[in-house]
Amino acid sequence: MSSSLMAACVPVGFEKGNAKSRIGRCSILLNLECRSVYDYSRTGGAGKTRRGSLAALNLTSSGFSARTSTSKFALNGFSSLFWSSKHAFLSTHFQCNSSNRSGKVLATATHHANDVVSKEKSFIKERRVVVTGMGIVSPLGHEPNEFYGNLLEGVSGINEIEAFDCSQYSTRIAGEIKSFSTDGCVAPKLSQRLDRFMLFLLIAGKKALFDGGITDDVMGGLDKTRCGILIGSAMGGMRIFNDAIEALQISYKKMNPFCVPFSVTNMGSAILSIDLGWMGPNYSISTACATGNFCIVNAANHIIKGDADVMLCGGSDSAITPTGVGGFIACKALSRRNDDPTRASRPWDSDRDGFVMGEGAGVLLLEELEHAKKRGATIYAEFLGGSFTCDAHHMTEPHPEGKGVFLCIEKALAQSGVCRDDVNYINAHATSTQAGDLKELQALLRCFGQNSKLRINSSKSMTGHLLGAAGAVEAVATIQAIRTGWIHPNINLDNPDEGVDTKFLVGSKKEELDIKVALSNSFGFGGQNSSILFAPYK
């Protein structure tokens, strides 16, 4: 037996926690269809509801009810990815009307028949997630204010590669970090052994704690079983791995005994947790250049579900090595504008010829709202939600119709309870590649093209592409835009490509903007797509 219904979703305000949400949320009436097959509509967008929205369903004991649990160890560390190990909760699908009239959303949901109970619905108190600290290591500076100040002024961090002799390479430029200090963050002996991606991760992680006011006294008062770390990397320890290959040419006995643990992507989070004594969720996600966003969303989900109260999350990469640069050259992915490095990364420009590699790390300190308020933390922004999709099309090329990107954005909006018209700033993935820039922009305009006040920019025009760190570093830029009320320019956009509607793109100078909701995109090889949403905390 199955039943179905359709309901319009109109923006309303409601009490969320102890504060009223400033953003119009969608009051959702779901029609439940007891079917075993999930059918995506071919028109409009689709998305997964925010877990808070699912609270409207009075779940049975076989359903998911993490937020009402009082046990610190009630859930597995990976359950944010899979909901529940016992009962597969089928996805909830939102189809957003492309005209966005009155914020209408068409919703259908599928559940096992046993989970559909005709009882009076009750809302479960939602745990809100806020950003209370940021740490960064980048080609434009190692403090959030320095980094964002350079972005606002249109400063490029791209220059000639100095890490190795690349004189015979067709690409000899990158967003390379020329100097950084590990003082106060990493023990001197350890700093000599670790790969740069781990050093960047540890520095940015410690800086995020310091920026968030986690002093020794505050640290001593934290329940460390409810503090976790989720910082990923796309490329891992490439320098350590290269050194191991060179040693192997002589003898395996010459290899560094730490070459394996210092190369794997999860070890940075592990070493940081060992240093801090944090025993909550701790792992690494590697989804190519979407890694940073994947880590941020899953870290936030651990807080929302009740697994943790505090999470350090983000991404780190340092792949400016002979293997890294050579590999991307072989993919024909890199710019060859060696004679003019600062103008090489040029998203949406007709003369773009590939992306420019960068390196660095970005880490956010996320906290459950009441936890942050209780300790008197400064709140920079609120995390509203995010989503992931896969193009299922090609290893390196985006879907020709941008279907995966469009679906990802629509799902992020639905999951967050945000209507299209609320989004007025987008930090785009835009890497300066021929296909990627246009397909993303087309998807963005398909979603938000009716919003005349929308502004779009790409941080990569100045930082280069930081690979697995890109999403996290750009999350810092997005949060700084919310904090300062200023959005950075798009540099090197001299001759917009055919089909690029420049009325939505930020020009060559910074612009003042009162951000309602900000969207940040990150996409990766394999067709991995991610979109995350932040807003001012009120």
Foldseek 3Di string as FASTA:
>chain_A
DFWFDKDWWAFDWDDAAPDIDPFGFTQDDEGEGADPDDDDDPDAFKAFAAVQNVLQQPWDPQAADLLVDPDLPPDDLCCLVQVDPRARADTWMKGFDLVCVNVTIITYGYGHPVGDDPDRTDGDRWWFKFFQFKFKDFLQDTDLVSNLVCLQVLAFSKAFDDPDDCVVPLAGMFSENPDDDCPPQDDPVVVVPAAVQLSLLRRGLVRRCVSFVCDPVNLVPDPLQQEAEEEWEQFFRPVLVVVCVVLVVVNNVSRDPCSVLRGDTQNSRVVNCVVSVRNFNGGYDHAKQCRFQVFVQSQRSCCRSSNHFKYKGGYFDDQPDCCSVVVCVVVQAAFSPNVDGLLQWAFQAPPHRHFHEIGGAMITIMGGVVVCVVVPGDTLWTWQHKFKFFQVPAQAAHDQQLNRLLNRVVNRCNNRSHRLLQFAEEAEQRRRHDRVRLSNQVSNCSRNVVHLNHEYEYSCSRRIRRIRRRQRVVVSNVSVCQRPQKHGARPNNPHGDPPDDCSRYHHNHIDGHNHRKYKYWTARGRRMIMITMIGHDD
